[in-house]
Each structure stands twice: as structure tokens, then as C-alpha cells.
Amino acid sequence: MYIERLWYYKYIMTIDTQKFKVQLEEEKKELEISLEDVGQKNPAIPGDWEGKAENIDAEKSDPIDVADNIEEYETNTAVTSELEVRLKNINTALDKIENGKYGTCRVCKKEIEEDRLEANPAAQTCKEHIND
């Protein structure tokens, strides 16, 4: 166990967490802007987002406008869902940086390869466990 910890701290000391933190924070800002374009914060659940659509009076509007509005809402809900997952992964990575656990695979607890982190700073698994 001591050797594992020693290896872990040695690894953490060599990874440039500040560089990844800056990248993650920039992407987080961009995601939040994108989320505001297609969604809105769910007042009932903190940190949760839901898709949004234009408010129209369904009884007075043309049926085509109503259908378009429903389609827009469905599209925005799907996009919001994808963006929300990415935002949660980024927040998890930022928390790991703050807690000194960044760059560790959540499955095997070994280091995540630096080229993987370069490609995806929010990665939570090493290449071996990429699909886990």
C-alpha cells in the first residue's frame, strides 16, 4: 500500500494539473453558455437542466407552428441531456483536481495516460477501461 501511495503522489506531482484545470474551466464556461441557449435550469433540482422551447399559445397558433415548437423542444431536450453529461464529467474532474485525485482511473485506480487526458481532460478512465 505504501508503494502504491508513493507511486500515486509521484505521478500527481508530474502531471500538469493546472493546465488541465484551465482547459476544464474554459470548457465548463462554454458548456454553460450552450446549455443556456437550449435549456434552462430546473428549479426543482439544483444542478439539473431541462430543454426549453418558445412559449406559444397552442390554441391560437397554427398547427404547424405548434408542431415545430414541439420538435424544437425535443431537440433541445436531447442536446441539453448530452451537454449536461459533459458538464457533470467536467465538474467531477475539477473536483478531483481540488482533491488531489485527478488523473486516476475510476476502475483500476492506475494513472490515466497523459495523451488520453490531452484528448479529453475530463476522462475518468484509462485507455484499458475506456468503455467501462
C-alpha atoms as a PDB file:
ATOM      1  CA  MET A   1       0.000   0.000   0.000  1.00  0.00           C
ATOM      2  CA  TYR A   2       2.838   2.398   0.834  1.00  0.00           C
ATOM      3  CA  ILE A   3       4.436   1.829  -2.572  1.00  0.00           C
ATOM      4  CA  GLU A   4       1.109   2.452  -4.313  1.00  0.00           C
ATOM      5  CA  ARG A   5       0.709   5.769  -2.482  1.00  0.00           C
ATOM      6  CA  LEU A   6       4.278   6.743  -3.243  1.00  0.00           C
ATOM      7  CA  TRP A   7       3.718   6.000  -6.927  1.00  0.00           C
ATOM      8  CA  TYR A   8       0.423   7.891  -6.866  1.00  0.00           C
ATOM      9  CA  TYR A   9       1.921  11.036  -5.332  1.00  0.00           C
ATOM     10  CA  LYS A  10       4.903  10.869  -7.678  1.00  0.00           C
ATOM     11  CA  TYR A  11       2.517  10.700 -10.639  1.00  0.00           C
ATOM     12  CA  ILE A  12       0.345  13.540  -9.365  1.00  0.00           C
ATOM     13  CA  MET A  13       3.429  15.667  -8.903  1.00  0.00           C
ATOM     14  CA  THR A  14       4.439  15.201 -12.553  1.00  0.00           C
ATOM     15  CA  ILE A  15       1.075  15.816 -14.221  1.00  0.00           C
ATOM     16  CA  ASP A  16       0.368  19.446 -15.039  1.00  0.00           C
ATOM     17  CA  THR A  17      -2.991  19.690 -13.292  1.00  0.00           C
ATOM     18  CA  GLN A  18      -3.041  23.474 -13.626  1.00  0.00           C
ATOM     19  CA  LYS A  19      -3.014  23.207 -17.424  1.00  0.00           C
ATOM     20  CA  PHE A  20      -5.898  20.729 -17.363  1.00  0.00           C
ATOM     21  CA  LYS A  21      -7.773  22.813 -14.794  1.00  0.00           C
ATOM     22  CA  VAL A  22      -7.646  25.848 -17.090  1.00  0.00           C
ATOM     23  CA  GLN A  23      -8.864  23.755 -20.055  1.00  0.00           C
ATOM     24  CA  LEU A  24     -11.678  22.245 -17.984  1.00  0.00           C
ATOM     25  CA  GLU A  25     -12.805  25.626 -16.644  1.00  0.00           C
ATOM     26  CA  GLU A  26     -12.851  27.116 -20.161  1.00  0.00           C
ATOM     27  CA  GLU A  27     -14.902  24.204 -21.485  1.00  0.00           C
ATOM     28  CA  LYS A  28     -17.232  24.470 -18.495  1.00  0.00           C
ATOM     29  CA  LYS A  29     -17.961  28.129 -19.327  1.00  0.00           C
ATOM     30  CA  GLU A  30     -18.641  27.245 -22.974  1.00  0.00           C
ATOM     31  CA  LEU A  31     -20.940  24.388 -21.957  1.00  0.00           C
ATOM     32  CA  GLU A  32     -22.911  26.598 -19.603  1.00  0.00           C
ATOM     33  CA  ILE A  33     -23.411  29.146 -22.401  1.00  0.00           C
ATOM     34  CA  SER A  34     -24.546  26.374 -24.748  1.00  0.00           C
ATOM     35  CA  LEU A  35     -26.873  24.980 -22.093  1.00  0.00           C
ATOM     36  CA  GLU A  36     -28.487  28.388 -21.634  1.00  0.00           C
ATOM     37  CA  ASP A  37     -29.151  28.517 -25.391  1.00  0.00           C
ATOM     38  CA  VAL A  38     -31.081  25.249 -25.492  1.00  0.00           C
ATOM     39  CA  GLY A  39     -32.120  24.700 -21.908  1.00  0.00           C
ATOM     40  CA  GLN A  40     -32.933  26.173 -18.574  1.00  0.00           C
ATOM     41  CA  LYS A  41     -32.061  25.274 -15.010  1.00  0.00           C
ATOM     42  CA  ASN A  42     -34.598  23.022 -13.398  1.00  0.00           C
ATOM     43  CA  PRO A  43     -35.828  24.950 -10.340  1.00  0.00           C
ATOM     44  CA  ALA A  44     -36.882  21.736  -8.597  1.00  0.00           C
ATOM     45  CA  ILE A  45     -33.478  20.015  -8.868  1.00  0.00           C
ATOM     46  CA  PRO A  46     -30.293  22.040  -8.256  1.00  0.00           C
ATOM     47  CA  GLY A  47     -27.660  21.439 -10.938  1.00  0.00           C
ATOM     48  CA  ASP A  48     -30.191  19.879 -13.320  1.00  0.00           C
ATOM     49  CA  TRP A  49     -31.052  21.290 -16.727  1.00  0.00           C
ATOM     50  CA  GLU A  50     -34.079  20.751 -18.961  1.00  0.00           C
ATOM     51  CA  GLY A  51     -34.744  21.540 -22.596  1.00  0.00           C
ATOM     52  CA  LYS A  52     -36.693  24.655 -23.493  1.00  0.00           C
ATOM     53  CA  ALA A  53     -38.860  25.796 -26.355  1.00  0.00           C
ATOM     54  CA  GLU A  54     -40.545  29.008 -27.351  1.00  0.00           C
ATOM     55  CA  ASN A  55     -43.699  29.759 -25.408  1.00  0.00           C
ATOM     56  CA  ILE A  56     -46.648  29.854 -27.778  1.00  0.00           C
ATOM     57  CA  ASP A  57     -50.380  29.722 -27.293  1.00  0.00           C
ATOM     58  CA  ALA A  58     -51.214  26.280 -28.677  1.00  0.00           C
ATOM     59  CA  GLU A  59     -54.911  27.130 -29.024  1.00  0.00           C
ATOM     60  CA  LYS A  60     -54.318  30.278 -31.091  1.00  0.00           C
ATOM     61  CA  SER A  61     -51.283  29.166 -33.066  1.00  0.00           C
ATOM     62  CA  ASP A  62     -51.078  27.469 -36.396  1.00  0.00           C
ATOM     63  CA  PRO A  63     -50.770  23.667 -36.012  1.00  0.00           C
ATOM     64  CA  ILE A  64     -47.507  23.763 -37.974  1.00  0.00           C
ATOM     65  CA  ASP A  65     -46.060  26.284 -35.501  1.00  0.00           C
ATOM     66  CA  VAL A  66     -47.121  24.067 -32.614  1.00  0.00           C
ATOM     67  CA  ALA A  67     -45.509  21.029 -34.268  1.00  0.00           C
ATOM     68  CA  ASP A  68     -42.324  22.998 -34.913  1.00  0.00           C
ATOM     69  CA  ASN A  69     -42.280  24.097 -31.289  1.00  0.00           C
ATOM     70  CA  ILE A  70     -42.637  20.512 -30.079  1.00  0.00           C
ATOM     71  CA  GLU A  71     -39.856  19.394 -32.410  1.00  0.00           C
ATOM     72  CA  GLU A  72     -37.613  22.208 -31.155  1.00  0.00           C
ATOM     73  CA  TYR A  73     -38.320  21.194 -27.559  1.00  0.00           C
ATOM     74  CA  GLU A  74     -37.457  17.541 -28.267  1.00  0.00           C
ATOM     75  CA  THR A  75     -34.218  18.543 -30.000  1.00  0.00           C
ATOM     76  CA  ASN A  76     -33.267  20.923 -27.195  1.00  0.00           C
ATOM     77  CA  THR A  77     -34.001  18.244 -24.595  1.00  0.00           C
ATOM     78  CA  ALA A  78     -31.679  15.785 -26.338  1.00  0.00           C
ATOM     79  CA  VAL A  79     -28.910  18.361 -26.737  1.00  0.00           C
ATOM     80  CA  THR A  80     -29.343  19.519 -23.135  1.00  0.00           C
ATOM     81  CA  SER A  81     -29.015  15.950 -21.916  1.00  0.00           C
ATOM     82  CA  GLU A  82     -25.716  15.441 -23.772  1.00  0.00           C
ATOM     83  CA  LEU A  83     -24.290  18.780 -22.644  1.00  0.00           C
ATOM     84  CA  GLU A  84     -25.355  18.094 -19.060  1.00  0.00           C
ATOM     85  CA  VAL A  85     -23.474  14.772 -19.014  1.00  0.00           C
ATOM     86  CA  ARG A  86     -20.339  16.502 -20.271  1.00  0.00           C
ATOM     87  CA  LEU A  87     -20.732  19.267 -17.675  1.00  0.00           C
ATOM     88  CA  LYS A  88     -21.035  16.699 -14.886  1.00  0.00           C
ATOM     89  CA  ASN A  89     -17.867  14.955 -16.106  1.00  0.00           C
ATOM     90  CA  ILE A  90     -16.018  18.276 -16.139  1.00  0.00           C
ATOM     91  CA  ASN A  91     -17.218  19.128 -12.642  1.00  0.00           C
ATOM     92  CA  THR A  92     -16.064  15.696 -11.443  1.00  0.00           C
ATOM     93  CA  ALA A  93     -12.630  16.257 -12.998  1.00  0.00           C
ATOM     94  CA  LEU A  94     -12.352  19.702 -11.396  1.00  0.00           C
ATOM     95  CA  ASP A  95     -13.296  18.214  -8.016  1.00  0.00           C
ATOM     96  CA  LYS A  96     -10.610  15.556  -8.475  1.00  0.00           C
ATOM     97  CA  ILE A  97      -8.030  18.247  -9.197  1.00  0.00           C
ATOM     98  CA  GLU A  98      -9.009  20.041  -5.996  1.00  0.00           C
ATOM     99  CA  ASN A  99      -8.839  16.772  -4.016  1.00  0.00           C
ATOM    100  CA  GLY A 100      -5.513  15.661  -5.500  1.00  0.00           C
ATOM    101  CA  LYS A 101      -7.062  12.647  -7.247  1.00  0.00           C
ATOM    102  CA  TYR A 102      -7.031  13.859 -10.830  1.00  0.00           C
ATOM    103  CA  GLY A 103      -5.685  11.526 -13.498  1.00  0.00           C
ATOM    104  CA  THR A 104      -6.594   8.290 -11.741  1.00  0.00           C
ATOM    105  CA  CYS A 105      -8.750   5.668 -13.468  1.00  0.00           C
ATOM    106  CA  ARG A 106     -12.019   5.137 -11.596  1.00  0.00           C
ATOM    107  CA  VAL A 107     -11.922   1.415 -12.450  1.00  0.00           C
ATOM    108  CA  CYS A 108      -8.357   0.222 -11.806  1.00  0.00           C
ATOM    109  CA  LYS A 109      -7.040   3.248  -9.860  1.00  0.00           C
ATOM    110  CA  LYS A 110      -3.970   3.443 -12.114  1.00  0.00           C
ATOM    111  CA  GLU A 111      -2.896   6.596 -13.894  1.00  0.00           C
ATOM    112  CA  ILE A 112      -4.805   7.786 -16.920  1.00  0.00           C
ATOM    113  CA  GLU A 113      -2.424   8.165 -19.835  1.00  0.00           C
ATOM    114  CA  GLU A 114      -1.433  11.772 -20.470  1.00  0.00           C
ATOM    115  CA  ASP A 115      -2.323  11.584 -24.161  1.00  0.00           C
ATOM    116  CA  ARG A 116      -5.821  10.482 -23.134  1.00  0.00           C
ATOM    117  CA  LEU A 117      -6.093  13.464 -20.786  1.00  0.00           C
ATOM    118  CA  GLU A 118      -4.797  15.719 -23.560  1.00  0.00           C
ATOM    119  CA  ALA A 119      -7.613  14.482 -25.808  1.00  0.00           C
ATOM    120  CA  ASN A 120     -10.221  14.574 -23.024  1.00  0.00           C
ATOM    121  CA  PRO A 121      -9.231  16.357 -19.810  1.00  0.00           C
ATOM    122  CA  ALA A 122     -12.435  15.096 -18.173  1.00  0.00           C
ATOM    123  CA  ALA A 123     -11.589  11.426 -18.842  1.00  0.00           C
ATOM    124  CA  GLN A 124     -12.318   9.232 -15.856  1.00  0.00           C
ATOM    125  CA  THR A 125     -10.787   6.019 -17.108  1.00  0.00           C
ATOM    126  CA  CYS A 126      -7.531   4.855 -18.632  1.00  0.00           C
ATOM    127  CA  LYS A 127      -7.394   3.521 -22.185  1.00  0.00           C
ATOM    128  CA  GLU A 128      -7.810  -0.054 -20.972  1.00  0.00           C
ATOM    129  CA  HIS A 129     -11.148   0.797 -19.301  1.00  0.00           C
ATOM    130  CA  ILE A 130     -12.377   3.371 -21.801  1.00  0.00           C
ATOM    131  CA  ASN A 131     -15.687   1.510 -22.287  1.00  0.00           C
ATOM    132  CA  ASP A 132     -16.334   0.731 -18.625  1.00  0.00           C
END
